[in-house]
Each structure stands twice: as C-alpha cells, then as structure tokens.
Amino acid sequence: MRSQIPMLIAAIGLIACLSAEPAGALGPDPSQLPGPPGGAELSPRLASYVNRIAALEPAYLAPDLEYPTIGLLPGWRDKVCPQVSGLTQQQGEFILARLSDIARAAGVRVADHDCRPNIFIYVTDRPRDLLKSMEKQNPIGMFGRRGLPYLIDQFIDTPRPVRVWYNVEEGPAVSFQYAFAGVLVVADRAQLQHVSFGQLADYLGMVSFAEIKPGAHVGDDPTILNLFDGGPQAAPSGMSDWDQIFLKTLYDTETWPTPFKWRNTYCCELHELATNMFDHISH
C-alpha cells in the first residue's frame, strides 16, 4: 500500500427472483415482502438499506449509469492496494491504515506495501480539472471499458463531495463473477472542511470495497454514507454496525456457497444479502 504526496495524475433491494423490472425501477416495497422470522421492524429496514446502497452488475449504460433490479453483486477478487494522493504523508498513512483495518475485518485481501495500486484516492481542490486531465491523458487506464465519453463527462460534471468510479469486469466463475479491476475516488477538499479524517477514512472504506449507488440516500438509517447529507452535528462518527456487517456479509465465504457468487441465472442476491445481514445482527 502506498501513500503518495500531492500529485495530480499518477497513476441490494429485497427483490423477487426472476423479476423483470426495467433498469432504474424502484422495485417492490420491501415492507410488503416477506422477511426472516422475527424482527418485524428491523428486517424491512435492513432490506431497504441494502436496496438503496448496493449496486448490481451488469449496469446499463444509457442514458445514465443506472443499475438493474436483478443482477449480481460485484466485489474484489484481487488483493486491494490503495494509493492516496493530495494529503500529507501522515494523513495519507492514517487513511491507508484505516482502510487496511476495514478490509481485513470484512474479509477483503490486502496486498503488501510494495504493490501496484488498484484503488486510487485523490483529495484535491480542483476535482473537475483533475478528472478532465485523466480523461484526456489515460481514459482507458483510469475509467476502463465502461468509460464511454458521455458517461465520463456526466461523472465529471456531477459535483459530489466524493465521486467514485468503478471499473468492473466480468470474470471466471470463482469468487465474484463481476469484480473490480480498479476503483477511482476523487474527493473535493472544499467539501471536507467539517469532516474528520476518521470519518473520511470510514466513508472511503465503504465506497472502495463495495459498489455503492451514486448519491445513495438512506434516510435515518445508521450508515457512514449519510456523512454529507446533513450538518456536521448530524454526521455519523464512523462506520455503523450495519455498514461493517454489510461488508463482512458481502465477502463472507461461509455465508455464500462456493464458488460463492456464481449464479446460473440472475437472482435474488440483494435479498440474500439482506437476510444474511439480519441473521448476523439477530445473533
């Protein structure tokens, strides 16, 4: 894992199986669908939380980068090697250490220090200029096969505090059928003024190890993904139990059959994930 000092460029809803809803559809109301026994209030809340945050693959590419209501959960097959740019060495090392802790707790394999980065994290005062430079210099290397010009432009022109681009590739029937080839994270320093490095590191852990829907909003559910949704006093202090269990369940080889992400048909992966999360919390 590497901490790189300032530089610009270096470089799941509760759904019914066999559902055929169009891309971007909201899907059934989780509160109207059956859940695990007990936990009458918790079960639909967990299902709603998973449905709102987790992206499924393969994603549709027009007119926007939207996600289908059925599909497969992506994740990391390779060992992760984050790289942080735009912070002091001490700040960067803090972020990397926290990411390593989050990864290991979730079951994500972490590469040695001398590794080739595959998670690129940039903290910059000029996110749009940085992304424009990436688009011009190395669009395939940074954005992958999904990097169609109009999608990259849409990504660049969406002014979020933290932008995340997932380079996802389909692979063999081991581990995840859809896996991350790389993750690009660009944080706007101007929108981080009231965010601690602990909060930022936990947010980066969530969006780097799971494909989170852009602009995911989960209301008052306990999650670090609400970090930028309210004022500083309302901001979560770090990853919640739900967040940690979400990541752990996603990478839990005991929860999923072996090979634990293979499906002959696209089915109810978000439903299964929410159910398994409920079991973790209930026990």
Protein backbone atom coordinates (compact mmCIF):
# COMPACT_ATOMS: atom_id res chain seq x y z
CA MET A 1 0.00 0.00 0.00
CA ARG A 2 1.33 3.44 -0.83
CA SER A 3 0.79 6.96 0.39
CA GLN A 4 1.63 9.37 -2.40
CA ILE A 5 2.17 13.06 -1.58
CA PRO A 6 0.40 15.74 -3.59
CA MET A 7 0.25 14.99 -7.26
CA LEU A 8 -2.48 15.36 -9.82
CA ILE A 9 -2.05 12.33 -12.03
CA ALA A 10 -0.10 9.24 -11.18
CA ALA A 11 -1.48 6.78 -11.57
CA ILE A 12 -29.24 -4.89 -2.50
CA GLY A 13 -33.06 -4.43 -2.63
CA LEU A 14 -35.36 -7.01 -1.41
CA ILE A 15 -36.35 -8.29 -4.84
CA ALA A 16 -38.12 -11.32 -6.20
CA CYS A 17 -36.15 -13.91 -8.15
CA LEU A 18 -36.61 -13.70 -11.89
CA SER A 19 -38.01 -10.19 -11.61
CA ALA A 20 -38.07 -8.44 -14.96
CA GLU A 21 -38.35 -4.80 -14.00
CA PRO A 22 -36.60 -2.23 -16.22
CA ALA A 23 -33.31 -0.62 -15.25
CA GLY A 24 -33.69 2.11 -12.69
CA ALA A 25 -37.03 0.84 -11.39
CA LEU A 26 -37.54 1.20 -7.68
CA GLY A 27 -38.64 -2.39 -7.26
CA PRO A 28 -41.18 -3.73 -4.77
CA ASP A 29 -41.70 -2.03 -1.45
CA PRO A 30 -39.57 -4.09 0.96
CA SER A 31 -42.12 -3.61 3.72
CA GLN A 32 -44.63 -5.55 1.61
CA LEU A 33 -42.37 -8.56 1.07
CA PRO A 34 -41.71 -11.43 3.47
CA GLY A 35 -38.57 -11.31 5.56
CA PRO A 36 -36.89 -13.61 8.06
CA PRO A 37 -38.96 -14.62 11.09
CA GLY A 38 -38.90 -12.15 13.95
CA GLY A 39 -37.59 -8.62 13.82
CA ALA A 40 -40.76 -7.27 12.28
CA GLU A 41 -39.36 -3.74 12.15
CA LEU A 42 -35.65 -4.45 11.65
CA SER A 43 -35.97 -6.83 8.71
CA PRO A 44 -37.63 -4.42 6.25
CA ARG A 45 -35.33 -1.59 7.38
CA LEU A 46 -32.25 -3.69 6.63
CA ALA A 47 -33.71 -4.72 3.28
CA SER A 48 -34.39 -1.08 2.41
CA TYR A 49 -30.86 -0.09 3.47
CA VAL A 50 -29.29 -2.76 1.25
CA ASN A 51 -31.58 -1.94 -1.66
CA ARG A 52 -30.74 1.75 -1.55
CA ILE A 53 -26.97 1.46 -1.32
CA ALA A 54 -25.88 -1.66 -3.21
CA ALA A 55 -25.34 -1.62 -6.98
CA LEU A 56 -25.81 -4.73 -9.10
CA GLU A 57 -23.99 -5.77 -12.25
CA PRO A 58 -24.11 -5.65 -15.17
CA ALA A 59 -25.05 -1.99 -15.16
CA TYR A 60 -26.88 -0.42 -18.06
CA LEU A 61 -25.02 2.37 -19.80
CA ALA A 62 -27.77 4.54 -21.26
CA PRO A 63 -28.97 7.14 -20.78
CA ASP A 64 -27.22 7.25 -17.38
CA LEU A 65 -25.15 4.75 -15.42
CA GLU A 66 -28.16 3.04 -13.87
CA TYR A 67 -28.39 -0.34 -12.19
CA PRO A 68 -30.88 -3.14 -12.85
CA THR A 69 -33.19 -4.52 -10.20
CA ILE A 70 -31.77 -8.01 -10.74
CA GLY A 71 -28.15 -9.00 -11.21
CA LEU A 72 -25.00 -9.88 -9.33
CA LEU A 73 -23.11 -8.17 -6.56
CA PRO A 74 -19.56 -7.15 -7.54
CA GLY A 75 -16.54 -7.17 -5.24
CA TRP A 76 -12.78 -7.55 -5.10
CA ARG A 77 -11.22 -10.78 -6.34
CA ASP A 78 -7.69 -9.32 -6.31
CA LYS A 79 -5.84 -8.08 -3.26
CA VAL A 80 -6.51 -4.40 -2.73
CA CYS A 81 -3.74 -1.82 -2.95
CA PRO A 82 -4.97 1.71 -2.16
CA GLN A 83 -3.00 4.80 -3.09
CA VAL A 84 -3.71 8.21 -1.55
CA SER A 85 -2.75 11.49 -3.21
CA GLY A 86 -3.28 15.09 -2.10
CA LEU A 87 -2.69 14.69 1.65
CA THR A 88 0.36 14.97 3.86
CA GLN A 89 2.30 11.77 4.46
CA GLN A 90 0.90 11.45 7.98
CA GLN A 91 -2.66 11.99 6.80
CA GLY A 92 -2.24 9.56 3.92
CA GLU A 93 -0.79 6.88 6.17
CA PHE A 94 -3.70 7.29 8.59
CA ILE A 95 -6.20 6.77 5.76
CA LEU A 96 -4.33 3.73 4.44
CA ALA A 97 -4.06 2.15 7.89
CA ARG A 98 -7.78 2.57 8.47
CA LEU A 99 -8.61 1.15 5.03
CA SER A 100 -6.47 -1.89 5.81
CA ASP A 101 -8.33 -2.43 9.09
CA ILE A 102 -11.72 -2.15 7.36
CA ALA A 103 -10.65 -4.50 4.57
CA ARG A 104 -9.33 -7.20 6.89
CA ALA A 105 -12.41 -7.03 9.11
CA ALA A 106 -14.60 -7.53 6.03
CA GLY A 107 -12.53 -10.35 4.58
CA VAL A 108 -11.02 -8.32 1.73
CA ARG A 109 -7.46 -9.40 0.99
CA VAL A 110 -4.84 -6.65 1.36
CA ALA A 111 -1.67 -6.54 -0.73
CA ASP A 112 1.82 -5.95 0.64
CA HIS A 113 3.31 -2.46 0.82
CA ASP A 114 5.19 -2.79 -2.47
CA CYS A 115 2.17 -3.36 -4.69
CA ARG A 116 0.55 -1.98 -7.80
CA PRO A 117 -2.29 0.39 -6.83
CA ASN A 118 -5.83 -0.53 -7.84
CA ILE A 119 -7.72 1.91 -5.57
CA PHE A 120 -6.80 5.47 -6.50
CA ILE A 121 -7.86 8.08 -3.95
CA TYR A 122 -7.34 11.77 -4.72
CA VAL A 123 -8.09 14.67 -2.41
CA THR A 124 -7.97 17.88 -4.43
CA ASP A 125 -9.13 21.49 -4.58
CA ARG A 126 -9.87 21.09 -8.28
CA PRO A 127 -11.67 17.78 -8.82
CA ARG A 128 -13.11 18.73 -12.18
CA ASP A 129 -9.73 19.76 -13.59
CA LEU A 130 -8.16 16.59 -12.25
CA LEU A 131 -10.79 14.38 -13.86
CA LYS A 132 -10.60 16.27 -17.13
CA SER A 133 -6.85 15.67 -17.17
CA MET A 134 -7.39 11.96 -16.53
CA GLU A 135 -9.95 11.79 -19.31
CA LYS A 136 -7.53 13.41 -21.73
CA GLN A 137 -4.37 11.52 -20.77
CA ASN A 138 -5.46 7.98 -19.93
CA PRO A 139 -9.22 7.34 -20.21
CA ILE A 140 -8.98 3.56 -20.61
CA GLY A 141 -6.47 3.14 -17.80
CA MET A 142 -8.48 5.18 -15.31
CA PHE A 143 -12.08 4.52 -16.39
CA GLY A 144 -11.88 1.07 -18.02
CA ARG A 145 -14.30 -0.39 -20.57
CA ARG A 146 -17.20 1.45 -19.02
CA GLY A 147 -15.51 4.77 -19.76
CA LEU A 148 -17.65 5.96 -22.64
CA PRO A 149 -17.04 9.67 -23.27
CA TYR A 150 -20.55 10.80 -22.37
CA LEU A 151 -20.52 8.79 -19.14
CA ILE A 152 -17.15 10.21 -18.13
CA ASP A 153 -18.43 13.73 -18.86
CA GLN A 154 -21.52 13.05 -16.76
CA PHE A 155 -19.31 11.78 -13.93
CA ILE A 156 -17.07 14.84 -14.14
CA ASP A 157 -19.97 17.30 -14.21
CA THR A 158 -21.70 15.86 -11.12
CA PRO A 159 -20.34 17.92 -8.17
CA ARG A 160 -20.44 15.45 -5.28
CA PRO A 161 -18.16 15.73 -2.23
CA VAL A 162 -16.75 12.33 -3.18
CA ARG A 163 -17.01 10.93 -6.69
CA VAL A 164 -16.43 7.19 -7.16
CA TRP A 165 -15.91 5.40 -10.47
CA TYR A 166 -15.97 1.58 -10.52
CA ASN A 167 -14.03 -0.25 -13.20
CA VAL A 168 -15.84 -3.60 -13.25
CA GLU A 169 -15.00 -6.62 -15.36
CA GLU A 170 -16.69 -9.98 -15.80
CA GLY A 171 -14.53 -12.96 -14.99
CA PRO A 172 -14.50 -16.71 -14.29
CA ALA A 173 -16.96 -18.43 -12.00
CA VAL A 174 -14.87 -18.05 -8.88
CA SER A 175 -15.40 -15.61 -6.08
CA PHE A 176 -17.26 -12.70 -7.74
CA GLN A 177 -18.43 -13.12 -11.32
CA TYR A 178 -18.25 -9.33 -11.65
CA ALA A 179 -15.13 -7.97 -9.97
CA PHE A 180 -13.39 -4.65 -9.55
CA ALA A 181 -10.42 -4.09 -11.81
CA GLY A 182 -9.95 -0.67 -10.21
CA VAL A 183 -11.73 1.99 -8.20
CA LEU A 184 -11.18 5.72 -8.67
CA VAL A 185 -12.16 8.04 -5.80
CA VAL A 186 -11.93 11.83 -6.10
CA ALA A 187 -12.74 13.92 -3.01
CA ASP A 188 -13.38 17.66 -3.20
CA ARG A 189 -11.29 19.22 -0.43
CA ALA A 190 -13.60 22.23 -0.21
CA GLN A 191 -16.48 19.95 0.82
CA LEU A 192 -14.44 18.13 3.50
CA GLN A 193 -13.96 21.09 5.84
CA HIS A 194 -16.15 19.70 8.62
CA VAL A 195 -15.18 16.05 8.12
CA SER A 196 -12.59 14.34 10.31
CA PHE A 197 -10.00 12.00 8.83
CA GLY A 198 -11.63 9.16 10.73
CA GLN A 199 -15.00 9.88 9.14
CA LEU A 200 -13.42 10.28 5.72
CA ALA A 201 -11.47 7.03 6.02
CA ASP A 202 -14.58 5.08 7.00
CA TYR A 203 -16.57 6.60 4.13
CA LEU A 204 -13.75 5.67 1.73
CA GLY A 205 -13.80 2.14 3.09
CA MET A 206 -17.47 1.71 2.26
CA VAL A 207 -17.23 3.06 -1.27
CA SER A 208 -13.91 1.34 -2.09
CA PHE A 209 -14.82 -2.23 -1.10
CA ALA A 210 -18.43 -2.37 -2.36
CA GLU A 211 -20.12 -0.82 -5.35
CA ILE A 212 -22.35 1.84 -3.85
CA LYS A 213 -25.00 3.56 -5.92
CA PRO A 214 -24.07 7.16 -6.73
CA GLY A 215 -25.83 9.60 -4.44
CA ALA A 216 -27.28 6.83 -2.26
CA HIS A 217 -29.59 8.23 0.43
CA VAL A 218 -30.84 6.05 3.25
CA GLY A 219 -32.77 8.46 5.41
CA ASP A 220 -32.14 7.98 9.12
CA ASP A 221 -30.63 4.50 8.80
CA PRO A 222 -27.30 4.21 10.65
CA THR A 223 -24.60 4.42 7.97
CA ILE A 224 -21.47 6.39 7.19
CA LEU A 225 -22.98 7.02 3.76
CA ASN A 226 -25.02 9.81 5.40
CA LEU A 227 -21.79 11.71 6.07
CA PHE A 228 -22.57 14.52 3.62
CA ASP A 229 -26.36 14.54 3.89
CA GLY A 230 -26.71 16.88 6.86
CA GLY A 231 -24.85 19.34 9.04
CA PRO A 232 -21.67 18.50 10.98
CA GLN A 233 -23.58 17.79 14.20
CA ALA A 234 -25.76 15.20 12.46
CA ALA A 235 -22.89 13.46 10.69
CA PRO A 236 -22.14 9.86 11.73
CA SER A 237 -18.88 9.46 13.64
CA GLY A 238 -17.81 6.45 11.60
CA MET A 239 -18.95 3.18 10.07
CA SER A 240 -22.01 1.77 11.78
CA ASP A 241 -22.58 -1.85 12.76
CA TRP A 242 -24.79 -2.15 9.69
CA ASP A 243 -22.00 -0.90 7.43
CA GLN A 244 -19.48 -3.33 8.88
CA ILE A 245 -21.89 -6.26 8.68
CA PHE A 246 -22.82 -5.31 5.11
CA LEU A 247 -19.17 -5.55 4.01
CA LYS A 248 -18.48 -8.68 6.06
CA THR A 249 -21.54 -10.43 4.65
CA LEU A 250 -20.60 -9.43 1.11
CA TYR A 251 -17.21 -11.14 1.43
CA ASP A 252 -18.22 -13.98 3.75
CA THR A 253 -17.37 -17.28 2.04
CA GLU A 254 -19.31 -19.20 4.68
CA THR A 255 -22.48 -17.23 4.00
CA TRP A 256 -22.34 -17.75 0.25
CA PRO A 257 -21.98 -21.16 -1.43
CA THR A 258 -18.64 -21.99 -3.03
CA PRO A 259 -17.94 -20.55 -5.52
CA PHE A 260 -19.96 -18.09 -3.51
CA LYS A 261 -21.02 -15.55 -6.12
CA TRP A 262 -21.80 -17.81 -9.05
CA ARG A 263 -25.40 -17.88 -10.27
CA ASN A 264 -26.70 -19.63 -13.37
CA THR A 265 -29.42 -17.03 -13.55
CA TYR A 266 -29.59 -13.52 -12.15
CA CYS A 267 -31.48 -13.89 -8.95
CA CYS A 268 -32.05 -12.50 -5.53
CA GLU A 269 -28.58 -11.53 -4.36
CA LEU A 270 -29.76 -8.40 -2.55
CA HIS A 271 -32.50 -10.40 -0.86
CA GLU A 272 -29.97 -13.00 0.29
CA LEU A 273 -27.53 -10.35 1.48
CA ALA A 274 -30.20 -8.54 3.50
CA THR A 275 -31.38 -11.84 5.01
CA ASN A 276 -27.86 -12.86 5.99
CA MET A 277 -27.22 -9.42 7.49
CA PHE A 278 -30.37 -9.84 9.55
CA ASP A 279 -29.09 -13.20 10.81
CA HIS A 280 -25.74 -11.63 11.80
CA ILE A 281 -27.43 -8.84 13.73
CA SER A 282 -30.04 -11.07 15.35
CA HIS A 283 -27.45 -13.49 16.68
